[in-house]
C-alpha atoms as a PDB file:
ATOM      1  CA  UNK A   1      18.045 -26.174  16.015  1.00  0.00           C
ATOM      2  CA  UNK A   2      19.801 -24.496  18.400  1.00  0.00           C
ATOM      3  CA  UNK A   3      21.701 -21.522  17.828  1.00  0.00           C
ATOM      4  CA  UNK A   4      24.654 -20.608  20.790  1.00  0.00           C
ATOM      5  CA  UNK A   5      25.940 -17.205  20.950  1.00  0.00           C
ATOM      6  CA  UNK A   6      23.205 -16.639  17.799  1.00  0.00           C
ATOM      7  CA  UNK A   7      24.292 -12.733  17.847  1.00  0.00           C
ATOM      8  CA  UNK A   8      27.521 -13.217  16.654  1.00  0.00           C
ATOM      9  CA  UNK A   9      26.299 -15.780  13.844  1.00  0.00           C
ATOM     10  CA  UNK A  10      26.655 -13.851  10.436  1.00  0.00           C
ATOM     11  CA  UNK A  11      23.419 -13.321   8.624  1.00  0.00           C
ATOM     12  CA  UNK A  12      24.117 -15.944   5.603  1.00  0.00           C
ATOM     13  CA  UNK A  13      24.967 -18.594   7.679  1.00  0.00           C
ATOM     14  CA  UNK A  14      21.495 -17.921   9.573  1.00  0.00           C
ATOM     15  CA  UNK A  15      19.650 -17.510   6.285  1.00  0.00           C
ATOM     16  CA  UNK A  16      21.050 -20.484   5.345  1.00  0.00           C
ATOM     17  CA  UNK A  17      20.130 -22.871   7.913  1.00  0.00           C
ATOM     18  CA  UNK A  18      16.329 -21.707   8.358  1.00  0.00           C
ATOM     19  CA  UNK A  19      15.389 -23.808   5.487  1.00  0.00           C
ATOM     20  CA  UNK A  20      16.642 -26.602   7.061  1.00  0.00           C
ATOM     21  CA  UNK A  21      13.234 -26.277   9.633  1.00  0.00           C
ATOM     22  CA  UNK A  22      11.022 -26.697   6.613  1.00  0.00           C
ATOM     23  CA  UNK A  23      10.133 -30.279   6.397  1.00  0.00           C
ATOM     24  CA  UNK A  24      11.093 -31.364   9.888  1.00  0.00           C
ATOM     25  CA  UNK A  25       8.350 -28.413  11.332  1.00  0.00           C
ATOM     26  CA  UNK A  26      11.737 -28.154  13.616  1.00  0.00           C
ATOM     27  CA  UNK A  27      11.931 -25.621  16.472  1.00  0.00           C
ATOM     28  CA  UNK A  28      14.685 -23.038  16.301  1.00  0.00           C
ATOM     29  CA  UNK A  29      15.895 -21.781  19.774  1.00  0.00           C
ATOM     30  CA  UNK A  30      18.277 -19.018  19.515  1.00  0.00           C
ATOM     31  CA  UNK A  31      20.609 -18.153  22.501  1.00  0.00           C
ATOM     32  CA  UNK A  32      22.908 -15.288  23.147  1.00  0.00           C
ATOM     33  CA  UNK A  33      23.748 -12.129  24.430  1.00  0.00           C
ATOM     34  CA  UNK A  34      23.561  -9.190  22.126  1.00  0.00           C
ATOM     35  CA  UNK A  35      26.331  -8.285  20.027  1.00  0.00           C
ATOM     36  CA  UNK A  36      25.656  -4.590  18.775  1.00  0.00           C
ATOM     37  CA  UNK A  37      22.446  -3.001  17.093  1.00  0.00           C
ATOM     38  CA  UNK A  38      22.978  -4.962  13.622  1.00  0.00           C
ATOM     39  CA  UNK A  39      22.258  -8.244  12.805  1.00  0.00           C
ATOM     40  CA  UNK A  40      19.556 -10.617  12.455  1.00  0.00           C
ATOM     41  CA  UNK A  41      19.539 -11.184  16.245  1.00  0.00           C
ATOM     42  CA  UNK A  42      18.649  -7.962  17.204  1.00  0.00           C
ATOM     43  CA  UNK A  43      16.253  -7.711  14.460  1.00  0.00           C
ATOM     44  CA  UNK A  44      14.309 -10.815  15.251  1.00  0.00           C
ATOM     45  CA  UNK A  45      14.448  -9.665  19.180  1.00  0.00           C
ATOM     46  CA  UNK A  46      13.211  -6.107  18.536  1.00  0.00           C
ATOM     47  CA  UNK A  47      11.387  -6.619  15.909  1.00  0.00           C
ATOM     48  CA  UNK A  48       7.346  -7.854  15.936  1.00  0.00           C
ATOM     49  CA  UNK A  49       7.982 -11.312  14.245  1.00  0.00           C
ATOM     50  CA  UNK A  50       6.373 -14.546  16.626  1.00  0.00           C
ATOM     51  CA  UNK A  51       9.095 -15.411  18.612  1.00  0.00           C
ATOM     52  CA  UNK A  52       9.232 -16.185  22.220  1.00  0.00           C
ATOM     53  CA  UNK A  53      11.360 -14.363  24.034  1.00  0.00           C
ATOM     54  CA  UNK A  54      13.346 -14.326  27.568  1.00  0.00           C
ATOM     55  CA  UNK A  55      15.380 -12.008  28.788  1.00  0.00           C
ATOM     56  CA  UNK A  56      16.938 -12.931  32.152  1.00  0.00           C
ATOM     57  CA  UNK A  57      19.768 -10.529  33.082  1.00  0.00           C
ATOM     58  CA  UNK A  58      22.923 -11.719  35.462  1.00  0.00           C
ATOM     59  CA  UNK A  59      21.273 -10.018  38.627  1.00  0.00           C
ATOM     60  CA  UNK A  60      18.216 -12.333  37.929  1.00  0.00           C
ATOM     61  CA  UNK A  61      20.383 -15.419  38.020  1.00  0.00           C
ATOM     62  CA  UNK A  62      20.816 -16.876  41.871  1.00  0.00           C
ATOM     63  CA  UNK A  63      24.048 -18.770  41.235  1.00  0.00           C
ATOM     64  CA  UNK A  64      25.690 -15.203  40.311  1.00  0.00           C
ATOM     65  CA  UNK A  65      28.034 -13.553  43.001  1.00  0.00           C
ATOM     66  CA  UNK A  66      27.059  -9.788  43.218  1.00  0.00           C
ATOM     67  CA  UNK A  67      30.632  -9.320  44.332  1.00  0.00           C
ATOM     68  CA  UNK A  68      31.919 -10.885  40.988  1.00  0.00           C
ATOM     69  CA  UNK A  69      29.215  -8.716  39.136  1.00  0.00           C
ATOM     70  CA  UNK A  70      30.811  -5.488  40.451  1.00  0.00           C
ATOM     71  CA  UNK A  71      34.076  -6.755  39.672  1.00  0.00           C
ATOM     72  CA  UNK A  72      33.358  -7.679  36.195  1.00  0.00           C
ATOM     73  CA  UNK A  73      31.364  -4.149  35.911  1.00  0.00           C
ATOM     74  CA  UNK A  74      34.876  -3.275  37.106  1.00  0.00           C
ATOM     75  CA  UNK A  75      36.732  -4.489  34.341  1.00  0.00           C
ATOM     76  CA  UNK A  76      34.679  -4.553  31.799  1.00  0.00           C
ATOM     77  CA  UNK A  77      33.448  -0.858  31.726  1.00  0.00           C
ATOM     78  CA  UNK A  78      29.639  -0.013  31.806  1.00  0.00           C
ATOM     79  CA  UNK A  79      29.080  -0.355  27.473  1.00  0.00           C
ATOM     80  CA  UNK A  80      30.709  -3.723  27.627  1.00  0.00           C
ATOM     81  CA  UNK A  81      29.092  -4.826  31.370  1.00  0.00           C
ATOM     82  CA  UNK A  82      25.401  -4.126  29.735  1.00  0.00           C
ATOM     83  CA  UNK A  83      25.981  -6.028  26.426  1.00  0.00           C
ATOM     84  CA  UNK A  84      27.071  -9.032  28.766  1.00  0.00           C
ATOM     85  CA  UNK A  85      24.855  -9.038  31.847  1.00  0.00           C
ATOM     86  CA  UNK A  86      22.344  -6.827  31.236  1.00  0.00           C
ATOM     87  CA  UNK A  87      20.855  -7.880  27.823  1.00  0.00           C
ATOM     88  CA  UNK A  88      21.215  -4.420  26.734  1.00  0.00           C
ATOM     89  CA  UNK A  89      22.090  -3.946  22.770  1.00  0.00           C
ATOM     90  CA  UNK A  90      24.673  -1.232  22.885  1.00  0.00           C
ATOM     91  CA  UNK A  91      25.880   0.805  20.025  1.00  0.00           C
ATOM     92  CA  UNK A  92      28.689  -0.998  17.869  1.00  0.00           C
ATOM     93  CA  UNK A  93      31.654  -0.660  18.779  1.00  0.00           C
ATOM     94  CA  UNK A  94      33.537   1.844  16.094  1.00  0.00           C
ATOM     95  CA  UNK A  95      30.466   3.398  14.953  1.00  0.00           C
ATOM     96  CA  UNK A  96      30.814   6.438  13.860  1.00  0.00           C
ATOM     97  CA  UNK A  97      27.456   7.498  14.279  1.00  0.00           C
ATOM     98  CA  UNK A  98      24.723   6.136  17.028  1.00  0.00           C
ATOM     99  CA  UNK A  99      22.353   3.552  15.766  1.00  0.00           C
ATOM    100  CA  UNK A 100      19.268   5.902  16.703  1.00  0.00           C
ATOM    101  CA  UNK A 101      20.887   8.567  14.356  1.00  0.00           C
ATOM    102  CA  UNK A 102      21.057   6.223  11.300  1.00  0.00           C
ATOM    103  CA  UNK A 103      17.634   5.261  12.346  1.00  0.00           C
ATOM    104  CA  UNK A 104      16.590   8.715  12.411  1.00  0.00           C
ATOM    105  CA  UNK A 105      18.074   9.449   8.956  1.00  0.00           C
ATOM    106  CA  UNK A 106      15.613   6.802   7.629  1.00  0.00           C
ATOM    107  CA  UNK A 107      12.714   8.161   9.438  1.00  0.00           C
ATOM    108  CA  UNK A 108      10.520  10.788   7.456  1.00  0.00           C
ATOM    109  CA  UNK A 109       9.187  12.594   9.858  1.00  0.00           C
ATOM    110  CA  UNK A 110      12.710  13.569  11.305  1.00  0.00           C
ATOM    111  CA  UNK A 111      13.481  17.224  10.136  1.00  0.00           C
ATOM    112  CA  UNK A 112      16.365  18.267   8.598  1.00  0.00           C
ATOM    113  CA  UNK A 113      19.077  20.991  10.326  1.00  0.00           C
ATOM    114  CA  UNK A 114      18.864  23.155   7.452  1.00  0.00           C
ATOM    115  CA  UNK A 115      16.488  23.654   4.971  1.00  0.00           C
END
């Protein structure tokens, strides 16, 4: 099974197609640029499950002209450029709190601001 633009595939759809691999002993390949620090793709990429992870940035691709990348960086801005061309999981657009702030809330070692 090949999942293209995997970071944009809804969690429910991903979980519903995984059982298709049970009998066939098939292989699951997920291809994507990041799309925020959320969802199954982010969880699998940053988790410890037995995935083979291959990361190739646009700068590593000899077919992409550095001049084009410079133009894209200006056109998209830093956040979108990092996400689309540098394989960077960025905070979701419109997030009130950063991913790190939310994860700190779940960390029992984080000290409260006020006692």
